[in-house]
């Protein structure tokens, strides 16, 4: 076996298909987000505007968050010093978990190093707690949920995306006595569409199934206190396990689940992804707790973010660009070709100082490649003007089809 040749072939396939991923080296500037400095390949630097970040509300640079992190860093030092089981549980971790439990009105919460790990570890552990468990998973669930379901070794059923009728068919076909869990997301990040949450909860009640909800792209953003779509719809009490992140709207790092005290205790005790991983640094936990606490009352940030998303979608639609609009804060522009998608992304960066990463397979299905914009409350009207004008020029330059204005 020529290992180097095999690696070359694997990388060549990505280049040939136009979906080789290029990392853009940027340095965020404190107090100036969404501005950043791009280190160009020729060694020069250029100021750019970030339009694809997951720091949806700019909390990664909020003074309340930075102050909490500075205080914790000065008090405790850099790292946590171990796993949660061995010296890595601090007062900062416990405060954060209490803040999250309160956010979701659950008895307890459990913090992981990321929401990916939280999904993978929890979903792969549940069959150990419920032998014979059948997991019903939405076809467009995040890779972390798919991996957790795949690794658990138990039975799984995949229902068509947001298709409640198909989910019912699958539930009806299985043994009524078998333990069941329905795993789905609130907001699906690539299209920005929302799940039929109440209907899924109704099915869970009817078939005695647990509900597992990923609120990663909704926490901080929706609901009176930012607990997500379930809070907005008044359904938090009907969700058994909520998964979410501290790295998007909350602007820091980490993931978590919130559930009953017994459920969190069981996952804590059985999940290798929790047991054998060094805990997040105390300063990170302190910053995350401050961010969660702040966004429980700062409705203004959420309102401004939604306003900017509406304005951007309206203006891009007015140009006839193929916007996918499900009424959420995510603004995908459908391109449908990986080469064109990368080309527009490169030209936006090179010529206009606009950074938006192309979204290609396997993140989205082939033929649905898109640019995914995430307007924030700290993008200015001038930033939006600049982006809209650039997209207008480049769309014509690349000879891409425009959507019908009535679409």
Protein backbone atom coordinates (compact mmCIF):
# COMPACT_ATOMS: atom_id res chain seq x y z
CA UNK A 1 0.00 0.00 0.00
CA UNK A 2 1.35 3.41 -1.02
CA UNK A 3 -0.16 5.49 1.76
CA UNK A 4 0.93 8.87 0.36
CA UNK A 5 -0.61 8.03 -3.02
CA UNK A 6 -3.89 7.10 -1.35
CA UNK A 7 -3.96 10.40 0.51
CA UNK A 8 -3.18 12.26 -2.73
CA UNK A 9 -6.09 10.53 -4.48
CA UNK A 10 -8.48 11.32 -1.65
CA UNK A 11 -7.54 15.01 -1.69
CA UNK A 12 -7.63 15.13 -5.50
CA UNK A 13 -11.22 13.92 -5.47
CA UNK A 14 -12.20 16.89 -3.31
CA UNK A 15 -10.39 19.32 -5.62
CA UNK A 16 -11.93 17.73 -8.75
CA UNK A 17 -15.43 18.02 -7.30
CA UNK A 18 -14.87 21.65 -6.32
CA UNK A 19 -15.48 20.99 -2.63
CA UNK A 20 -11.98 21.10 -1.15
CA UNK A 21 -12.29 23.20 1.98
CA UNK A 22 -9.98 26.16 2.41
CA UNK A 23 -9.50 27.67 5.86
CA UNK A 24 -9.44 31.46 5.96
CA UNK A 25 -7.03 32.81 8.57
CA UNK A 26 -8.70 35.68 10.41
CA UNK A 27 -8.19 37.59 13.64
CA UNK A 28 -11.25 39.04 15.29
CA UNK A 29 -10.80 42.52 16.72
CA UNK A 30 -12.18 43.05 20.22
CA UNK A 31 -14.92 45.63 20.22
CA UNK A 32 -15.11 45.75 16.41
CA UNK A 33 -17.03 42.56 15.56
CA UNK A 34 -18.07 41.69 12.83
CA UNK A 35 -14.86 43.23 11.54
CA UNK A 36 -11.76 41.04 11.43
CA UNK A 37 -8.30 41.00 9.87
CA UNK A 38 -7.66 38.48 7.09
CA UNK A 39 -4.10 37.21 6.72
CA UNK A 40 -3.88 36.85 2.95
CA UNK A 41 -1.82 34.07 1.35
CA UNK A 42 0.73 36.65 0.12
CA UNK A 43 1.41 37.70 3.73
CA UNK A 44 -0.49 40.99 3.60
CA UNK A 45 -3.44 41.85 5.81
CA UNK A 46 -6.91 43.12 4.91
CA UNK A 47 -9.88 44.20 7.00
CA UNK A 48 -12.96 42.12 6.24
CA UNK A 49 -16.52 41.77 7.47
CA UNK A 50 -17.52 38.33 8.75
CA UNK A 51 -20.93 37.28 7.39
CA UNK A 52 -20.89 33.56 8.21
CA UNK A 53 -20.05 33.44 11.90
CA UNK A 54 -22.05 31.52 14.47
CA UNK A 55 -21.52 34.19 17.13
CA UNK A 56 -25.05 35.23 16.21
CA UNK A 57 -25.42 38.09 18.70
CA UNK A 58 -21.82 39.22 19.08
CA UNK A 59 -21.71 37.94 22.67
CA UNK A 60 -18.17 36.65 22.14
CA UNK A 61 -17.04 40.27 22.57
CA UNK A 62 -19.67 41.53 24.99
CA UNK A 63 -18.17 43.37 28.01
CA UNK A 64 -20.23 41.30 30.49
CA UNK A 65 -18.77 38.07 29.10
CA UNK A 66 -15.20 39.36 28.89
CA UNK A 67 -15.29 40.72 32.44
CA UNK A 68 -16.50 37.39 33.83
CA UNK A 69 -13.77 35.52 31.96
CA UNK A 70 -11.05 37.91 33.10
CA UNK A 71 -12.14 37.59 36.72
CA UNK A 72 -12.22 33.79 36.57
CA UNK A 73 -8.87 33.62 34.78
CA UNK A 74 -7.24 35.85 37.39
CA UNK A 75 -8.81 33.82 40.19
CA UNK A 76 -8.18 30.27 38.95
CA UNK A 77 -5.67 30.20 36.10
CA UNK A 78 -6.02 28.70 32.63
CA UNK A 79 -7.25 25.11 32.69
CA UNK A 80 -9.63 23.06 34.79
CA UNK A 81 -6.95 20.54 35.73
CA UNK A 82 -8.82 17.35 34.90
CA UNK A 83 -11.97 15.52 33.98
CA UNK A 84 -15.17 16.33 35.81
CA UNK A 85 -14.63 13.17 37.85
CA UNK A 86 -11.02 13.95 38.75
CA UNK A 87 -10.52 17.51 40.01
CA UNK A 88 -12.18 19.18 36.97
CA UNK A 89 -15.47 20.17 38.59
CA UNK A 90 -15.27 23.73 39.89
CA UNK A 91 -17.74 26.22 41.29
CA UNK A 92 -17.81 27.80 37.81
CA UNK A 93 -19.03 24.58 36.20
CA UNK A 94 -21.72 24.14 38.84
CA UNK A 95 -22.89 27.74 38.47
CA UNK A 96 -23.10 27.34 34.71
CA UNK A 97 -25.14 24.13 35.00
CA UNK A 98 -27.51 25.81 37.46
CA UNK A 99 -27.91 28.74 35.05
CA UNK A 100 -28.72 26.36 32.18
CA UNK A 101 -31.17 24.29 34.20
CA UNK A 102 -32.98 27.51 35.13
CA UNK A 103 -32.95 28.65 31.48
CA UNK A 104 -34.77 25.55 30.29
CA UNK A 105 -36.86 25.08 33.44
CA UNK A 106 -35.36 21.63 34.01
CA UNK A 107 -34.13 20.02 37.21
CA UNK A 108 -30.53 19.77 36.02
CA UNK A 109 -28.04 20.37 33.21
CA UNK A 110 -24.77 18.73 32.24
CA UNK A 111 -21.97 20.64 30.47
CA UNK A 112 -19.78 18.98 27.81
CA UNK A 113 -16.80 20.28 25.84
CA UNK A 114 -19.06 20.86 22.80
CA UNK A 115 -22.62 20.33 21.65
CA UNK A 116 -21.29 17.76 19.18
CA UNK A 117 -19.89 15.71 22.05
CA UNK A 118 -23.06 16.25 24.08
CA UNK A 119 -25.20 14.84 21.24
CA UNK A 120 -22.85 11.98 20.43
CA UNK A 121 -22.26 10.98 24.06
CA UNK A 122 -25.90 11.22 25.14
CA UNK A 123 -27.51 9.49 22.16
CA UNK A 124 -24.94 6.70 22.17
CA UNK A 125 -25.45 6.15 25.91
CA UNK A 126 -29.24 6.07 26.10
CA UNK A 127 -29.58 2.40 24.97
CA UNK A 128 -27.44 1.42 27.96
CA UNK A 129 -30.12 2.97 30.16
CA UNK A 130 -33.09 1.69 28.15
CA UNK A 131 -32.32 -1.76 26.66
CA UNK A 132 -34.09 -2.29 23.35
CA UNK A 133 -34.47 1.47 22.77
CA UNK A 134 -35.60 2.47 19.27
CA UNK A 135 -34.49 5.95 18.18
CA UNK A 136 -36.53 7.78 15.53
CA UNK A 137 -34.26 10.37 13.92
CA UNK A 138 -35.13 13.16 11.47
CA UNK A 139 -33.38 12.63 8.13
CA UNK A 140 -31.69 16.06 8.32
CA UNK A 141 -30.43 15.83 11.89
CA UNK A 142 -26.94 17.16 12.55
CA UNK A 143 -23.93 14.90 12.01
CA UNK A 144 -23.36 14.70 15.77
CA UNK A 145 -26.84 13.26 16.30
CA UNK A 146 -26.42 10.83 13.42
CA UNK A 147 -23.10 9.66 14.84
CA UNK A 148 -24.53 9.19 18.32
CA UNK A 149 -27.46 7.17 17.00
CA UNK A 150 -25.19 5.10 14.76
CA UNK A 151 -22.71 4.29 17.53
CA UNK A 152 -25.22 3.23 20.13
CA UNK A 153 -25.71 -0.16 18.49
CA UNK A 154 -29.47 -0.07 19.00
CA UNK A 155 -32.39 0.06 16.61
CA UNK A 156 -32.95 3.24 14.62
CA UNK A 157 -35.58 4.55 12.26
CA UNK A 158 -35.07 7.55 9.95
CA UNK A 159 -38.17 9.61 9.21
CA UNK A 160 -38.39 12.00 6.28
CA UNK A 161 -37.50 15.56 7.22
CA UNK A 162 -40.26 17.18 9.28
CA UNK A 163 -42.69 14.52 8.00
CA UNK A 164 -45.00 13.79 10.94
CA UNK A 165 -47.09 11.32 8.93
CA UNK A 166 -44.02 9.24 8.13
CA UNK A 167 -42.92 9.36 11.76
CA UNK A 168 -46.35 8.06 12.78
CA UNK A 169 -46.05 5.16 10.30
CA UNK A 170 -42.70 4.16 11.77
CA UNK A 171 -43.94 4.39 15.35
CA UNK A 172 -47.04 2.32 14.55
CA UNK A 173 -44.95 -0.41 12.93
CA UNK A 174 -42.90 -1.11 16.06
CA UNK A 175 -43.66 -3.05 19.23
CA UNK A 176 -45.82 -0.82 21.47
CA UNK A 177 -43.91 -2.08 24.51
CA UNK A 178 -40.46 -1.14 23.15
CA UNK A 179 -38.83 1.97 24.65
CA UNK A 180 -38.75 4.80 22.10
CA UNK A 181 -37.09 8.17 21.62
CA UNK A 182 -37.71 10.81 18.93
CA UNK A 183 -34.63 12.89 18.11
CA UNK A 184 -35.05 16.13 16.16
CA UNK A 185 -33.91 19.75 15.94
CA UNK A 186 -35.80 22.97 16.49
CA UNK A 187 -34.09 24.99 13.72
CA UNK A 188 -32.22 23.17 10.96
CA UNK A 189 -29.23 25.34 10.27
CA UNK A 190 -28.69 24.88 6.55
CA UNK A 191 -32.20 25.95 5.43
CA UNK A 192 -33.30 27.70 8.61
CA UNK A 193 -36.58 25.78 8.76
CA UNK A 194 -38.38 24.88 12.00
CA UNK A 195 -39.61 21.46 13.07
CA UNK A 196 -43.32 20.72 13.72
CA UNK A 197 -42.50 20.47 17.40
CA UNK A 198 -45.98 20.34 18.88
CA UNK A 199 -47.09 17.58 16.49
CA UNK A 200 -43.96 15.56 17.32
CA UNK A 201 -44.66 15.98 21.04
CA UNK A 202 -48.23 14.79 20.45
CA UNK A 203 -46.91 11.64 18.76
CA UNK A 204 -44.45 11.10 21.61
CA UNK A 205 -47.31 11.23 24.09
CA UNK A 206 -49.44 8.89 21.99
CA UNK A 207 -46.69 6.27 21.59
CA UNK A 208 -45.06 6.74 25.01
CA UNK A 209 -41.78 7.96 23.51
CA UNK A 210 -39.13 10.25 24.98
CA UNK A 211 -38.34 13.48 23.13
CA UNK A 212 -34.78 14.65 22.40
CA UNK A 213 -34.50 18.18 21.00
CA UNK A 214 -31.40 19.89 19.59
CA UNK A 215 -31.77 23.66 20.13
CA UNK A 216 -28.21 24.52 19.06
CA UNK A 217 -29.22 27.22 16.55
CA UNK A 218 -32.05 28.58 18.68
CA UNK A 219 -30.77 29.09 22.24
CA UNK A 220 -30.16 32.73 23.04
CA UNK A 221 -32.17 33.65 19.95
CA UNK A 222 -35.80 32.68 20.56
CA UNK A 223 -38.21 32.71 23.47
CA UNK A 224 -38.76 35.36 26.18
CA UNK A 225 -35.49 34.40 27.90
CA UNK A 226 -33.63 32.93 24.95
CA UNK A 227 -34.24 29.29 25.84
CA UNK A 228 -35.08 28.47 22.22
CA UNK A 229 -38.02 27.55 20.03
CA UNK A 230 -39.48 25.20 22.64
CA UNK A 231 -39.77 28.13 25.03
CA UNK A 232 -41.21 30.37 22.31
CA UNK A 233 -43.90 27.75 21.60
CA UNK A 234 -44.54 26.96 25.27
CA UNK A 235 -43.38 23.36 24.83
CA UNK A 236 -40.32 23.07 27.08
CA UNK A 237 -42.22 20.97 29.59
CA UNK A 238 -42.94 18.38 26.89
CA UNK A 239 -39.29 17.90 25.91
CA UNK A 240 -37.45 15.26 27.92
CA UNK A 241 -33.87 16.09 26.91
CA UNK A 242 -32.70 19.39 25.43
CA UNK A 243 -29.29 19.67 23.78
CA UNK A 244 -27.72 23.02 22.99
CA UNK A 245 -24.47 24.93 22.62
CA UNK A 246 -22.59 27.72 24.34
CA UNK A 247 -20.56 28.48 21.19
CA UNK A 248 -23.11 30.19 18.95
CA UNK A 249 -25.53 32.81 20.30
CA UNK A 250 -23.76 32.69 23.69
CA UNK A 251 -20.43 33.42 22.00
CA UNK A 252 -18.14 31.19 24.09
CA UNK A 253 -17.55 27.42 23.90
CA UNK A 254 -19.07 24.16 25.12
CA UNK A 255 -22.32 22.23 24.90
CA UNK A 256 -24.84 20.76 27.30
CA UNK A 257 -27.98 18.79 27.91
CA UNK A 258 -30.80 19.80 30.24
CA UNK A 259 -33.24 17.27 31.64
CA UNK A 260 -34.36 15.66 34.90
CA UNK A 261 -31.81 15.25 37.66
CA UNK A 262 -31.98 11.47 37.23
CA UNK A 263 -31.35 11.63 33.48
CA UNK A 264 -28.37 13.96 33.84
CA UNK A 265 -26.97 11.80 36.62
CA UNK A 266 -27.29 8.68 34.48
CA UNK A 267 -25.59 10.28 31.45
CA UNK A 268 -22.87 11.66 33.73
CA UNK A 269 -22.29 8.18 35.12
CA UNK A 270 -22.40 6.15 31.88
CA UNK A 271 -21.26 8.32 28.94
CA UNK A 272 -17.57 7.86 28.04
CA UNK A 273 -17.66 11.16 26.14
CA UNK A 274 -18.32 12.90 29.42
CA UNK A 275 -16.36 10.71 31.85
CA UNK A 276 -13.03 10.68 30.02
CA UNK A 277 -12.83 14.27 28.73
CA UNK A 278 -11.10 17.18 30.46
CA UNK A 279 -13.70 19.74 31.46
CA UNK A 280 -13.90 23.20 29.90
CA UNK A 281 -11.69 25.84 31.57
CA UNK A 282 -13.25 27.73 34.51
CA UNK A 283 -12.87 31.03 32.63
CA UNK A 284 -14.89 29.62 29.72
CA UNK A 285 -17.57 28.36 32.10
CA UNK A 286 -17.71 31.77 33.79
CA UNK A 287 -18.04 33.58 30.46
CA UNK A 288 -20.76 31.21 29.28
CA UNK A 289 -22.73 31.61 32.51
CA UNK A 290 -22.51 35.40 32.21
CA UNK A 291 -23.70 35.25 28.60
CA UNK A 292 -26.66 32.98 29.41
CA UNK A 293 -27.61 35.18 32.36
CA UNK A 294 -27.40 38.37 30.29
CA UNK A 295 -29.46 37.06 27.38
CA UNK A 296 -32.28 35.99 29.69
CA UNK A 297 -33.21 39.69 29.85
CA UNK A 298 -31.69 41.35 26.74
CA UNK A 299 -34.57 41.09 24.27
CA UNK A 300 -33.18 44.07 22.37
CA UNK A 301 -30.29 42.09 20.93
CA UNK A 302 -32.63 39.36 19.73
CA UNK A 303 -35.03 41.87 18.17
CA UNK A 304 -32.27 43.73 16.33
CA UNK A 305 -30.80 40.51 14.99
CA UNK A 306 -34.18 39.42 13.63
CA UNK A 307 -34.68 42.87 12.10
CA UNK A 308 -31.35 42.69 10.26
CA UNK A 309 -32.15 39.19 9.01
CA UNK A 310 -35.52 40.40 7.66
CA UNK A 311 -33.92 43.38 5.93
CA UNK A 312 -31.19 41.30 4.31
CA UNK A 313 -33.66 38.68 3.05
CA UNK A 314 -36.01 41.35 1.71
CA UNK A 315 -33.25 43.13 -0.20
CA UNK A 316 -31.72 39.96 -1.65
CA UNK A 317 -35.18 38.77 -2.70
CA UNK A 318 -35.76 42.13 -4.40
CA UNK A 319 -32.73 41.36 -6.58
CA UNK A 320 -34.31 38.05 -7.56
CA UNK A 321 -31.71 35.95 -5.77
CA UNK A 322 -32.87 32.44 -4.72
CA UNK A 323 -33.27 32.94 -0.98
CA UNK A 324 -34.41 30.10 1.27
CA UNK A 325 -36.66 31.86 3.79
CA UNK A 326 -38.32 30.03 6.66
CA UNK A 327 -38.65 33.10 8.86
CA UNK A 328 -35.58 32.47 11.01
CA UNK A 329 -32.28 34.30 11.44
CA UNK A 330 -30.44 32.13 8.90
CA UNK A 331 -30.19 33.50 5.34
CA UNK A 332 -29.18 30.82 2.80
CA UNK A 333 -28.69 31.78 -0.88
CA UNK A 334 -29.00 28.74 -3.11
CA UNK A 335 -26.22 28.34 -5.70
CA UNK A 336 -26.54 24.65 -6.60
CA UNK A 337 -23.00 24.08 -7.83
CA UNK A 338 -19.85 23.63 -5.69
CA UNK A 339 -17.50 25.38 -8.15
CA UNK A 340 -19.74 28.42 -8.54
CA UNK A 341 -20.33 28.52 -4.80
CA UNK A 342 -16.60 28.59 -4.07
CA UNK A 343 -15.99 31.12 -6.84
CA UNK A 344 -18.52 33.60 -5.49
CA UNK A 345 -17.18 33.13 -1.96
CA UNK A 346 -13.61 33.79 -3.15
CA UNK A 347 -14.62 36.88 -5.14
CA UNK A 348 -16.60 38.33 -2.25
CA UNK A 349 -13.53 38.00 -0.05
CA UNK A 350 -10.92 39.15 -2.57
CA UNK A 351 -12.76 42.10 -4.10
CA UNK A 352 -15.22 43.22 -1.45
CA UNK A 353 -13.78 42.17 1.91
CA UNK A 354 -16.86 40.04 2.62
CA UNK A 355 -16.26 36.67 4.23
CA UNK A 356 -18.91 34.00 3.72
CA UNK A 357 -17.86 30.36 3.60
CA UNK A 358 -19.27 28.16 0.78
CA UNK A 359 -21.48 25.33 2.07
CA UNK A 360 -20.93 22.20 0.00
CA UNK A 361 -21.43 18.43 0.27
CA UNK A 362 -21.41 16.61 2.69
CA UNK A 363 -22.76 19.43 4.86
CA UNK A 364 -25.63 19.75 2.38
CA UNK A 365 -26.76 17.35 -0.39
CA UNK A 366 -25.13 17.66 -3.81
CA UNK A 367 -26.94 20.17 -5.98
CA UNK A 368 -28.02 22.28 -3.00
CA UNK A 369 -24.74 24.11 -2.42
CA UNK A 370 -25.30 27.54 -0.96
CA UNK A 371 -23.87 30.64 0.69
CA UNK A 372 -25.18 30.91 4.23
CA UNK A 373 -25.32 34.41 5.72
CA UNK A 374 -25.82 35.03 9.43
CA UNK A 375 -26.62 38.71 10.00
CA UNK A 376 -26.07 39.89 13.56
CA UNK A 377 -27.28 42.88 15.57
CA UNK A 378 -23.81 44.40 15.22
CA UNK A 379 -23.78 44.39 11.42
CA UNK A 380 -24.48 47.97 10.35
CA UNK A 381 -26.82 49.20 7.63
CA UNK A 382 -23.68 50.06 5.68
CA UNK A 383 -22.48 46.47 5.99
CA UNK A 384 -25.81 45.25 4.61
CA UNK A 385 -25.70 47.77 1.72
CA UNK A 386 -22.17 46.67 0.81
CA UNK A 387 -23.13 42.99 0.85
CA UNK A 388 -26.28 43.45 -1.25
CA UNK A 389 -24.45 45.48 -3.92
CA UNK A 390 -21.64 42.94 -4.08
CA UNK A 391 -24.04 40.01 -4.44
CA UNK A 392 -25.93 41.84 -7.20
CA UNK A 393 -22.74 42.38 -9.22
CA UNK A 394 -21.27 38.94 -8.69
CA UNK A 395 -24.47 37.04 -9.41
CA UNK A 396 -24.61 38.66 -12.85
CA UNK A 397 -20.88 38.24 -13.36
CA UNK A 398 -21.11 34.50 -12.69
CA UNK A 399 -24.19 34.24 -14.96
CA UNK A 400 -26.29 32.48 -12.37
CA UNK A 401 -30.05 32.28 -12.67
CA UNK A 402 -32.13 34.65 -10.60
CA UNK A 403 -35.28 33.52 -8.86
CA UNK A 404 -38.67 34.76 -9.94
CA UNK A 405 -39.60 37.79 -7.87
CA UNK A 406 -42.84 36.08 -6.90
CA UNK A 407 -41.01 33.05 -5.45
